[in-house]
Amino acid sequence: MTNSDAVPNTDLAMPADAHGWDVIVVGAGSAGMPAALFAARRGARVLLVDAAAEMGGTMWVSTGQLSAAGSRLQKDKGIIDSPDQHYEDVMRISRGTANPELVRLAVDNAADTLDWLMESGFTPEPHHPITGWGHEHYSVARYCWAAGGGLAIKDAIVPQVMAQVEAGRIDLRLRHSVSELILDHAGAVTGIVAEDADGVRHAFRGESVILAAGGYAANPALFEELNGHPQYSAMPYPFSQGIGLRLGQQAGGYLRGKGNFFIGFGMILDSEDFPAPMSIRAETFPDRRQPWEIYVNIFGQRFVREDMPSVDAREQALLAQADCRYWIVFDEAILTAAPPLIVGWTTDQVRAAFAAKRLNFLKADTPEDLARDAGIDAAGLARTITGFNYGVETRHDFLGRCHLPMPIAKGPFYAIRMQGASISSSIGLAVNGQLQVIREDGSVIPNLYAAGEVIGSSQTSGAAACGGMLATPALTFGRLLGALMVPVGVRR
């Protein structure tokens, strides 16, 4: 995907549908629904368009993790927090790679977003907020989600949007794929072109257009082009095809965030035909299950301290490995004595997976045979096991590991192949602090705004996973655009 000069297309052959709109929102997900809802509440004439057959966007597949400082949820539990502390935590966890302006905008308004969701029926888990789960921990408990994950957020917002639809304040057009923006001769955006389910193209004119069409994580070709890594996982929302990025570039916008790619610490995938689904998960978080096994790369070498408490450190170590891949290696004694490695499985079920030769579950009588079957360096694995066993015996692990319950000593030997992958779109359209899409020289593309994953998840999370800093900013930015930032009733 490359930048191109904005080309005016004022003389479209198709007639414009109905009247003009104050606000056109492309995408009915985490950012688009709040944008449409709050604009309609201000009295705007709103058109909400989405390629899918239902509203919700990535909320259909998201865990729906949220974070907010100064929320009612915190105050009710006596937790003292502030947006300043939230900002400092995000910049610390992201190692300064997140966008300071957008992080500031997100954290300063996150509490209002969470309070609104809770007033709308969203109910966090009873023990929330917490400092962290699955990501680097915050310094204060501000992190939460609800039973049902992202669906709980969707269920809190969709009825409110539908009430505006039924009142005639939002015109909802599902199964409409937007193919281009309408530009005038000055390069200002004046509408969209969308194709309905019957293949009929429509021109919709609007005073402002908000791009909230999600990212590109479900488009394998575009994912690899932008990130330099294949898309291994089939978990992203299917409609995350990158259309919003293409539309913004068509109008003269540009992409940023290319240095902020990050991955999770390994999945057990169900196929070698990538992108592949995942049905089971290994517990590699040491705060939930201390590691008995070792993690090795294609050279048979340990590449990270397995009980390293920092999630980000482990993820960054994996990102540096060939194909973002590693193997969990152990022996029969560890399989028998350790808590089950696979979440939700018993030890017998884990053993049965090896006996059935399930994909990515390898078993052999010797470390050399195991390495050969796994496609990793046999001599390297043998040296690694010898070195690890020395650490167990002397209590001086070469990598500083603390949890050393037993050596890897007697067969059969086992390996589970793990695949690092990303399910978010780290790269996105550049916007300013008013969420206006901008050109590389910093100038604003008139009438064009963007929010949600289309601006790149790394803008609010950086080159790391900051808990709740994907869904919360998307919801917050959509709410701000609809309630404050997009002009309503102003003819330009």
Protein backbone atom coordinates (compact mmCIF):
# COMPACT_ATOMS: atom_id res chain seq x y z
CA MET A 1 0.00 0.00 0.00
CA THR A 2 1.53 3.30 -1.04
CA ASN A 3 0.57 6.94 -0.75
CA SER A 4 -0.98 8.61 -3.77
CA ASP A 5 -1.98 12.16 -4.51
CA ALA A 6 -5.62 12.90 -3.81
CA VAL A 7 -7.59 12.92 -7.04
CA PRO A 8 -10.87 14.85 -7.11
CA ASN A 9 -13.86 12.80 -8.19
CA THR A 10 -16.66 15.32 -8.10
CA ASP A 11 -18.21 14.14 -11.35
CA LEU A 12 -19.36 10.69 -10.31
CA ALA A 13 -21.71 9.00 -12.74
CA MET A 14 -24.07 7.68 -10.05
CA PRO A 15 -26.66 9.93 -8.41
CA ALA A 16 -26.22 10.89 -4.77
CA ASP A 17 -28.56 9.03 -2.42
CA ALA A 18 -31.23 11.09 -0.66
CA HIS A 19 -30.08 14.25 1.10
CA GLY A 20 -26.64 15.14 2.37
CA TRP A 21 -25.50 14.11 5.83
CA ASP A 22 -23.86 16.04 8.62
CA VAL A 23 -21.70 13.07 9.55
CA ILE A 24 -20.89 9.87 7.67
CA VAL A 25 -19.31 7.13 9.79
CA VAL A 26 -17.53 4.30 7.98
CA GLY A 27 -17.49 1.31 10.30
CA ALA A 28 -19.96 0.27 13.01
CA GLY A 29 -17.52 -1.07 15.60
CA SER A 30 -15.74 0.12 18.74
CA ALA A 31 -15.13 3.66 17.44
CA GLY A 32 -17.84 3.98 14.81
CA MET A 33 -20.87 3.20 16.96
CA PRO A 34 -20.05 5.76 19.68
CA ALA A 35 -19.21 8.34 17.01
CA ALA A 36 -22.58 7.87 15.31
CA LEU A 37 -24.47 7.67 18.60
CA PHE A 38 -23.10 10.84 20.17
CA ALA A 39 -23.31 12.82 16.92
CA ALA A 40 -26.97 11.84 16.60
CA ARG A 41 -27.60 12.93 20.18
CA ARG A 42 -26.26 16.37 19.21
CA GLY A 43 -28.88 16.58 16.49
CA ALA A 44 -26.66 15.59 13.56
CA ARG A 45 -27.98 13.77 10.54
CA VAL A 46 -25.83 10.63 10.66
CA LEU A 47 -25.15 7.90 8.12
CA LEU A 48 -23.55 4.77 9.61
CA VAL A 49 -22.13 2.33 7.05
CA ASP A 50 -20.52 -1.07 7.56
CA ALA A 51 -19.52 -3.93 5.26
CA ALA A 52 -20.69 -6.54 7.79
CA ALA A 53 -24.25 -7.74 8.30
CA GLU A 54 -24.21 -6.79 12.00
CA MET A 55 -22.81 -3.98 14.10
CA GLY A 56 -20.01 -4.63 16.57
CA GLY A 57 -16.78 -4.84 14.58
CA THR A 58 -13.89 -6.36 16.50
CA MET A 59 -16.06 -6.59 19.60
CA TRP A 60 -17.28 -9.88 18.16
CA VAL A 61 -13.83 -11.42 18.72
CA SER A 62 -12.20 -9.10 21.28
CA THR A 63 -11.65 -9.81 24.97
CA GLY A 64 -12.92 -6.28 25.56
CA GLN A 65 -10.19 -5.17 27.94
CA LEU A 66 -10.57 -1.62 29.23
CA SER A 67 -8.47 0.70 31.37
CA ALA A 68 -9.39 4.04 32.86
CA ALA A 69 -8.04 6.24 35.66
CA GLY A 70 -10.45 8.06 37.95
CA SER A 71 -13.43 5.91 36.96
CA ARG A 72 -16.48 5.31 39.10
CA LEU A 73 -15.39 1.66 39.30
CA GLN A 74 -12.18 2.71 41.04
CA LYS A 75 -13.81 5.31 43.27
CA ASP A 76 -16.39 2.82 44.51
CA LYS A 77 -13.52 0.59 45.69
CA GLY A 78 -11.46 3.40 47.18
CA ILE A 79 -8.73 3.24 44.54
CA ILE A 80 -6.88 6.53 44.06
CA ASP A 81 -5.70 7.06 40.49
CA SER A 82 -5.27 9.82 37.94
CA PRO A 83 -4.90 10.27 34.17
CA ASP A 84 -1.35 11.45 34.82
CA GLN A 85 -0.48 8.12 36.45
CA HIS A 86 -2.20 6.27 33.61
CA TYR A 87 -0.22 8.25 31.06
CA GLU A 88 3.06 7.56 32.85
CA ASP A 89 2.30 3.84 32.99
CA VAL A 90 1.50 3.64 29.27
CA MET A 91 4.66 5.48 28.31
CA ARG A 92 6.69 3.26 30.68
CA ILE A 93 5.21 0.00 29.39
CA SER A 94 5.48 1.08 25.75
CA ARG A 95 9.08 2.21 26.34
CA GLY A 96 8.16 5.64 25.03
CA THR A 97 6.99 4.31 21.65
CA ALA A 98 3.31 5.26 21.97
CA ASN A 99 2.08 8.57 20.56
CA PRO A 100 2.15 11.03 23.51
CA GLU A 101 -0.56 13.30 22.11
CA LEU A 102 -3.02 10.49 21.47
CA VAL A 103 -2.23 8.66 24.71
CA ARG A 104 -2.90 11.91 26.58
CA LEU A 105 -6.22 12.37 24.77
CA ALA A 106 -7.19 8.78 25.54
CA VAL A 107 -6.32 8.66 29.24
CA ASP A 108 -7.78 12.10 29.99
CA ASN A 109 -11.18 10.94 28.74
CA ALA A 110 -11.14 7.20 29.50
CA ALA A 111 -12.96 7.44 32.83
CA ASP A 112 -15.94 9.16 31.20
CA THR A 113 -16.05 6.36 28.64
CA LEU A 114 -16.02 3.59 31.23
CA ASP A 115 -18.58 5.39 33.38
CA TRP A 116 -20.85 5.76 30.33
CA LEU A 117 -20.52 2.05 29.53
CA MET A 118 -21.37 1.07 33.10
CA GLU A 119 -24.38 3.38 33.07
CA SER A 120 -25.38 1.58 29.87
CA GLY A 121 -25.35 -1.85 31.50
CA PHE A 122 -21.73 -2.90 31.13
CA THR A 123 -20.72 -4.78 34.30
CA PRO A 124 -17.04 -5.49 34.97
CA GLU A 125 -15.99 -8.72 36.66
CA PRO A 126 -16.63 -8.52 40.44
CA HIS A 127 -12.93 -8.53 41.41
CA HIS A 128 -12.03 -5.76 38.96
CA PRO A 129 -10.28 -3.43 38.45
CA ILE A 130 -6.89 -5.17 38.60
CA THR A 131 -3.34 -4.11 37.75
CA GLY A 132 -2.89 -6.57 34.89
CA TRP A 133 -3.57 -9.90 33.24
CA GLY A 134 -1.70 -11.21 30.24
CA HIS A 135 0.12 -7.92 29.74
CA GLU A 136 2.63 -5.81 31.64
CA HIS A 137 1.06 -4.68 34.91
CA TYR A 138 -0.01 -1.14 35.73
CA SER A 139 1.10 0.55 38.94
CA VAL A 140 -2.55 1.01 39.98
CA ALA A 141 -5.60 -1.25 39.58
CA ARG A 142 -7.43 0.32 36.63
CA TYR A 143 -7.77 -2.62 34.24
CA CYS A 144 -11.10 -4.41 33.72
CA TRP A 145 -13.40 -6.37 31.44
CA ALA A 146 -16.73 -8.14 31.72
CA ALA A 147 -17.94 -11.70 31.39
CA GLY A 148 -18.50 -12.19 27.68
CA GLY A 149 -15.52 -10.06 26.68
CA GLY A 150 -16.07 -7.64 23.83
CA LEU A 151 -19.64 -8.85 23.37
CA ALA A 152 -20.53 -7.23 26.69
CA ILE A 153 -19.41 -3.87 25.30
CA LYS A 154 -21.31 -4.44 22.07
CA ASP A 155 -24.46 -5.36 23.97
CA ALA A 156 -24.25 -2.13 25.97
CA ILE A 157 -23.94 0.10 22.89
CA VAL A 158 -25.99 -1.51 20.11
CA PRO A 159 -29.39 -0.85 21.76
CA GLN A 160 -28.50 2.82 22.10
CA VAL A 161 -27.55 3.04 18.44
CA MET A 162 -30.71 1.21 17.40
CA ALA A 163 -32.82 3.66 19.41
CA GLN A 164 -31.35 6.49 17.31
CA VAL A 165 -31.94 4.46 14.14
CA GLU A 166 -35.56 3.90 15.07
CA ALA A 167 -35.95 7.61 15.87
CA GLY A 168 -34.68 8.46 12.38
CA ARG A 169 -31.54 10.21 13.56
CA ILE A 170 -29.14 7.53 12.29
CA ASP A 171 -29.48 5.94 8.86
CA LEU A 172 -27.85 2.51 9.26
CA ARG A 173 -26.58 0.85 6.08
CA LEU A 174 -25.12 -2.59 6.75
CA ARG A 175 -23.59 -4.80 4.05
CA HIS A 176 -22.34 -1.66 2.32
CA SER A 177 -18.68 -1.79 1.31
CA VAL A 178 -17.07 1.62 0.93
CA SER A 179 -14.84 1.75 -2.14
CA GLU A 180 -13.73 5.39 -2.27
CA LEU A 181 -14.01 8.83 -0.78
CA ILE A 182 -15.55 11.69 -2.73
CA LEU A 183 -13.18 14.67 -2.98
CA ASP A 184 -13.69 18.14 -4.34
CA HIS A 185 -11.13 20.08 -6.38
CA ALA A 186 -9.56 21.49 -3.22
CA GLY A 187 -8.92 17.98 -1.85
CA ALA A 188 -11.65 18.21 0.78
CA VAL A 189 -13.67 15.07 1.51
CA THR A 190 -17.34 15.53 0.64
CA GLY A 191 -18.70 12.00 0.88
CA ILE A 192 -18.22 8.31 0.16
CA VAL A 193 -19.00 5.75 -2.51
CA ALA A 194 -20.33 2.42 -1.23
CA GLU A 195 -21.51 -0.76 -2.89
CA ASP A 196 -24.50 -2.56 -1.39
CA ALA A 197 -25.08 -6.32 -1.14
CA ASP A 198 -26.62 -6.35 -4.64
CA GLY A 199 -23.58 -4.74 -6.19
CA VAL A 200 -25.24 -1.34 -6.66
CA ARG A 201 -22.94 1.64 -6.11
CA HIS A 202 -24.19 4.62 -4.14
CA ALA A 203 -22.75 8.09 -3.62
CA PHE A 204 -23.41 9.51 -0.15
CA ARG A 205 -22.58 13.17 0.42
CA GLY A 206 -21.61 14.42 3.84
CA GLU A 207 -20.18 17.42 5.67
CA SER A 208 -17.73 15.21 7.59
CA VAL A 209 -16.53 11.63 7.19
CA ILE A 210 -15.20 9.54 10.07
CA LEU A 211 -13.11 6.51 9.13
CA ALA A 212 -13.66 3.84 11.79
CA ALA A 213 -13.43 0.77 9.58
CA GLY A 214 -10.88 -1.12 11.67
CA GLY A 215 -7.43 -2.36 10.80
CA TYR A 216 -5.87 -4.81 8.35
CA ALA A 217 -5.06 -7.80 10.57
CA ALA A 218 -7.36 -10.15 8.63
CA ASN A 219 -5.78 -9.29 5.27
CA PRO A 220 -2.72 -11.60 5.11
CA ALA A 221 -1.12 -9.97 2.06
CA LEU A 222 -1.45 -6.44 3.44
CA PHE A 223 -0.43 -7.60 6.92
CA GLU A 224 2.85 -9.02 5.62
CA GLU A 225 3.44 -6.03 3.33
CA LEU A 226 3.12 -3.56 6.19
CA ASN A 227 4.63 -5.55 9.06
CA GLY A 228 7.27 -7.66 7.35
CA HIS A 229 5.91 -10.78 9.09
CA PRO A 230 3.31 -13.31 7.89
CA GLN A 231 -0.12 -13.32 9.47
CA TYR A 232 -0.03 -16.65 11.29
CA SER A 233 -3.27 -16.30 13.25
CA ALA A 234 -6.85 -16.53 11.99
CA MET A 235 -8.17 -14.83 15.13
CA PRO A 236 -8.64 -11.24 13.82
CA TYR A 237 -12.09 -9.95 12.92
CA PRO A 238 -12.74 -11.02 9.27
CA PHE A 239 -13.70 -7.52 8.11
CA SER A 240 -10.37 -6.05 9.24
CA GLN A 241 -9.23 -5.80 5.63
CA GLY A 242 -7.48 -2.41 5.64
CA ILE A 243 -10.14 -0.52 3.67
CA GLY A 244 -9.92 2.48 6.00
CA LEU A 245 -6.18 2.80 5.45
CA ARG A 246 -6.64 2.71 1.70
CA LEU A 247 -9.41 5.32 1.82
CA GLY A 248 -7.32 7.66 3.94
CA GLN A 249 -4.33 7.32 1.65
CA GLN A 250 -6.54 7.96 -1.36
CA ALA A 251 -7.37 11.34 0.17
CA GLY A 252 -3.70 12.14 0.75
CA GLY A 253 -3.14 10.70 4.21
CA TYR A 254 -0.16 8.62 5.22
CA LEU A 255 0.60 5.67 7.52
CA ARG A 256 2.68 5.63 10.67
CA GLY A 257 3.64 3.15 13.36
CA LYS A 258 5.85 0.93 11.20
CA GLY A 259 8.44 0.51 13.94
CA ASN A 260 5.93 -0.64 16.53
CA PHE A 261 5.05 -4.20 15.53
CA PHE A 262 4.59 -6.52 18.50
CA ILE A 263 3.43 -10.10 19.06
CA GLY A 264 1.97 -12.24 21.79
CA PHE A 265 4.08 -14.93 23.44
CA GLY A 266 3.09 -17.86 21.29
CA MET A 267 0.01 -19.78 20.21
CA ILE A 268 -0.59 -23.47 19.49
CA LEU A 269 -2.15 -23.29 16.06
CA ASP A 270 -4.41 -25.95 14.58
CA SER A 271 -3.03 -25.89 11.05
CA GLU A 272 0.11 -25.12 9.08
CA ASP A 273 -2.03 -23.39 6.47
CA PHE A 274 -1.65 -19.83 7.73
CA PRO A 275 -3.54 -17.87 8.92
CA ALA A 276 -4.55 -20.72 11.22
CA PRO A 277 -7.11 -21.02 14.01
CA MET A 278 -6.28 -21.79 17.64
CA SER A 279 -8.39 -24.07 19.84
CA ILE A 280 -6.06 -24.73 22.80
CA ARG A 281 -3.59 -22.62 24.74
CA ALA A 282 -0.41 -23.35 26.68
CA GLU A 283 -0.06 -21.57 30.02
CA THR A 284 3.21 -19.65 29.65
CA PHE A 285 2.45 -16.86 32.14
CA PRO A 286 4.66 -17.50 35.18
CA ASP A 287 2.32 -15.61 37.49
CA ARG A 288 -0.34 -18.23 36.74
CA ARG A 289 1.87 -21.35 36.37
CA GLN A 290 5.58 -21.46 37.04
CA PRO A 291 7.50 -23.09 34.16
CA TRP A 292 8.90 -26.59 34.59
CA GLU A 293 9.92 -26.77 30.93
CA ILE A 294 12.44 -24.89 28.78
CA TYR A 295 11.75 -22.74 25.71
CA VAL A 296 14.11 -23.18 22.75
CA ASN A 297 14.44 -21.60 19.30
CA ILE A 298 15.27 -23.23 15.96
CA PHE A 299 18.92 -23.49 17.04
CA GLY A 300 17.90 -25.50 20.09
CA GLN A 301 18.92 -22.62 22.35
CA ARG A 302 17.02 -21.06 25.22
CA PHE A 303 16.29 -17.46 24.24
CA VAL A 304 14.58 -16.11 27.36
CA ARG A 305 14.42 -16.84 31.07
CA GLU A 306 11.23 -18.90 31.20
CA ASP A 307 10.10 -17.45 34.53
CA MET A 308 10.81 -13.86 33.49
CA PRO A 309 7.95 -11.90 35.11
CA SER A 310 7.93 -9.17 32.43
CA VAL A 311 5.45 -10.07 29.69
CA ASP A 312 6.95 -7.46 27.39
CA ALA A 313 10.47 -8.85 27.84
CA ARG A 314 9.32 -12.34 26.87
CA GLU A 315 7.40 -11.04 23.85
CA GLN A 316 10.34 -8.97 22.66
CA ALA A 317 12.66 -11.97 23.04
CA LEU A 318 10.33 -14.05 20.87
CA LEU A 319 10.06 -11.31 18.25
CA ALA A 320 13.82 -11.65 17.71
CA GLN A 321 13.58 -15.39 16.92
CA ALA A 322 13.38 -16.87 13.44
CA ASP A 323 9.74 -16.95 12.26
CA CYS A 324 8.71 -15.81 15.77
CA ARG A 325 8.65 -19.49 16.70
CA TYR A 326 9.80 -21.64 19.62
CA TRP A 327 9.37 -25.05 21.20
CA ILE A 328 8.45 -25.97 24.78
CA VAL A 329 10.66 -28.92 25.70
CA PHE A 330 10.39 -31.32 28.67
CA ASP A 331 10.56 -35.00 29.60
CA GLU A 332 8.30 -37.69 31.04
CA ALA A 333 9.12 -36.89 34.66
CA ILE A 334 8.14 -33.24 34.17
CA LEU A 335 4.96 -34.19 32.32
CA THR A 336 3.97 -36.41 35.25
CA ALA A 337 4.90 -34.07 38.10
CA ALA A 338 4.09 -30.60 36.74
CA PRO A 339 0.70 -28.90 36.69
CA PRO A 340 -0.91 -29.46 33.25
CA LEU A 341 0.65 -27.20 30.62
CA ILE A 342 -2.46 -26.90 28.42
CA VAL A 343 -5.18 -24.68 29.83
CA GLY A 344 -8.28 -26.71 30.70
CA TRP A 345 -6.62 -30.08 30.10
CA THR A 346 -5.58 -32.79 32.54
CA THR A 347 -2.14 -34.38 32.38
CA ASP A 348 -3.73 -37.46 30.79
CA GLN A 349 -5.24 -35.30 28.05
CA VAL A 350 -1.85 -33.73 27.36
CA ARG A 351 -0.25 -37.18 27.18
CA ALA A 352 -3.02 -38.35 24.83
CA ALA A 353 -2.33 -35.45 22.45
CA PHE A 354 1.27 -36.65 22.08
CA ALA A 355 0.16 -40.27 21.62
CA ALA A 356 -2.24 -39.19 18.87
CA LYS A 357 0.54 -37.17 17.21
CA ARG A 358 -1.57 -34.04 17.29
CA LEU A 359 -0.16 -31.24 15.15
CA ASN A 360 2.63 -29.38 16.96
CA PHE A 361 2.85 -32.09 19.68
CA LEU A 362 6.10 -34.04 19.26
CA LYS A 363 7.42 -37.06 21.20
CA ALA A 364 10.68 -39.00 20.84
CA ASP A 365 12.92 -41.34 22.79
CA THR A 366 15.99 -39.09 22.64
CA PRO A 367 16.64 -35.35 22.48
CA GLU A 368 18.34 -35.88 19.11
CA ASP A 369 15.27 -37.58 17.64
CA LEU A 370 13.02 -34.92 19.13
CA ALA A 371 15.12 -32.18 17.54
CA ARG A 372 15.06 -33.93 14.17
CA ASP A 373 11.27 -34.29 14.25
CA ALA A 374 10.84 -30.67 15.31
CA GLY A 375 13.27 -29.34 12.69
CA ILE A 376 15.58 -27.74 15.22
CA ASP A 377 19.35 -28.12 15.70
CA ALA A 378 20.05 -31.41 17.51
CA ALA A 379 23.50 -30.50 18.83
CA GLY A 380 22.20 -27.17 20.05
CA LEU A 381 19.31 -28.80 21.90
CA ALA A 382 21.63 -31.35 23.52
CA ARG A 383 23.94 -28.58 24.75
CA THR A 384 20.98 -26.60 26.02
CA ILE A 385 19.58 -29.52 28.02
CA THR A 386 23.01 -30.21 29.51
CA GLY A 387 23.37 -26.57 30.49
CA PHE A 388 19.87 -26.40 31.93
CA ASN A 389 20.43 -29.52 33.99
CA TYR A 390 23.62 -28.00 35.38
CA GLY A 391 21.57 -25.03 36.54
CA VAL A 392 19.03 -27.31 38.21
CA GLU A 393 21.79 -29.20 40.02
CA THR A 394 23.78 -26.15 41.15
CA ARG A 395 20.85 -23.69 41.46
CA HIS A 396 22.81 -21.34 39.17
CA ASP A 397 20.85 -21.15 35.94
CA PHE A 398 22.73 -19.54 33.06
CA LEU A 399 19.81 -17.16 32.37
CA GLY A 400 19.04 -16.47 36.02
CA ARG A 401 15.93 -18.61 36.19
CA CYS A 402 14.63 -19.13 39.72
CA HIS A 403 12.06 -21.92 39.34
CA LEU A 404 14.12 -25.08 38.75
CA PRO A 405 12.10 -28.04 40.07
CA MET A 406 13.79 -30.88 38.13
CA PRO A 407 16.11 -31.61 35.22
CA ILE A 408 15.20 -32.78 31.73
CA ALA A 409 16.87 -36.15 32.08
CA LYS A 410 15.04 -39.24 30.91
CA GLY A 411 12.84 -40.04 27.92
CA PRO A 412 10.47 -40.02 26.37
CA PHE A 413 11.06 -36.36 25.55
CA TYR A 414 8.38 -33.92 24.43
CA ALA A 415 8.11 -30.67 22.48
CA ILE A 416 5.18 -28.38 21.70
CA ARG A 417 5.66 -25.89 18.87
CA MET A 418 4.58 -22.34 19.68
CA GLN A 419 3.95 -19.59 17.15
CA GLY A 420 4.24 -15.91 17.99
CA ALA A 421 1.61 -13.82 16.23
CA SER A 422 -0.16 -10.49 16.26
CA ILE A 423 -3.91 -10.07 16.04
CA SER A 424 -3.94 -6.28 15.94
CA SER A 425 -3.01 -3.71 13.29
CA SER A 426 -0.12 -1.68 14.67
CA ILE A 427 0.17 0.61 11.61
CA GLY A 428 -2.52 3.13 10.76
CA LEU A 429 -3.53 6.50 9.39
CA ALA A 430 -1.81 9.50 10.91
CA VAL A 431 -4.15 11.86 12.78
CA ASN A 432 -3.60 14.96 14.87
CA GLY A 433 -4.85 15.67 18.37
CA GLN A 434 -8.30 16.48 16.99
CA LEU A 435 -8.38 13.08 15.24
CA GLN A 436 -8.26 14.77 11.83
CA VAL A 437 -6.46 12.74 9.16
CA ILE A 438 -3.28 14.56 8.17
CA ARG A 439 -0.82 14.58 5.31
CA GLU A 440 2.92 13.96 5.75
CA ASP A 441 3.53 17.71 5.96
CA GLY A 442 1.13 17.90 8.91
CA SER A 443 -1.65 19.67 7.00
CA VAL A 444 -5.21 18.57 7.63
CA ILE A 445 -7.34 16.81 5.01
CA PRO A 446 -10.54 18.84 5.30
CA ASN A 447 -13.60 17.04 6.68
CA LEU A 448 -11.84 13.70 7.26
CA TYR A 449 -11.43 12.11 10.71
CA ALA A 450 -10.34 8.68 11.93
CA ALA A 451 -10.57 6.64 15.11
CA GLY A 452 -10.15 3.07 16.27
CA GLU A 453 -7.75 0.52 14.85
CA VAL A 454 -7.63 2.37 11.53
CA ILE A 455 -5.20 4.83 13.18
CA GLY A 456 -2.99 1.93 14.31
CA SER A 457 -3.10 0.12 17.62
CA SER A 458 0.48 1.18 18.31
CA GLN A 459 -0.48 4.85 18.56
CA THR A 460 -2.01 4.28 21.99
CA SER A 461 -0.08 1.15 22.98
CA GLY A 462 3.28 1.54 21.27
CA ALA A 463 5.55 -1.42 20.58
CA ALA A 464 4.05 -3.32 23.48
CA ALA A 465 0.70 -4.51 24.74
CA CYS A 466 -0.68 -1.98 27.23
CA GLY A 467 -3.75 -3.42 28.91
CA GLY A 468 -6.99 -1.84 27.75
CA MET A 469 -5.25 0.68 25.49
CA LEU A 470 -6.82 -0.61 22.28
CA ALA A 471 -10.54 -0.89 23.02
CA THR A 472 -10.72 2.03 25.44
CA PRO A 473 -9.14 4.60 23.11
CA ALA A 474 -11.30 3.38 20.22
CA LEU A 475 -14.47 3.85 22.25
CA THR A 476 -13.21 7.13 23.69
CA PHE A 477 -12.13 8.65 20.41
CA GLY A 478 -15.41 7.67 18.77
CA ARG A 479 -17.33 9.25 21.62
CA LEU A 480 -15.25 12.44 21.46
CA LEU A 481 -15.66 12.76 17.70
CA GLY A 482 -19.41 12.40 17.90
CA ALA A 483 -19.91 14.54 20.99
CA LEU A 484 -17.40 17.34 20.43
CA MET A 485 -14.94 17.28 17.60
CA VAL A 486 -16.92 16.86 14.40
CA PRO A 487 -18.82 20.01 13.38
CA VAL A 488 -22.59 19.63 13.27
CA GLY A 489 -24.90 21.95 11.39
CA VAL A 490 -22.06 23.97 9.89
CA ARG A 491 -22.07 24.33 6.10
CA ARG A 492 -18.63 24.64 4.58
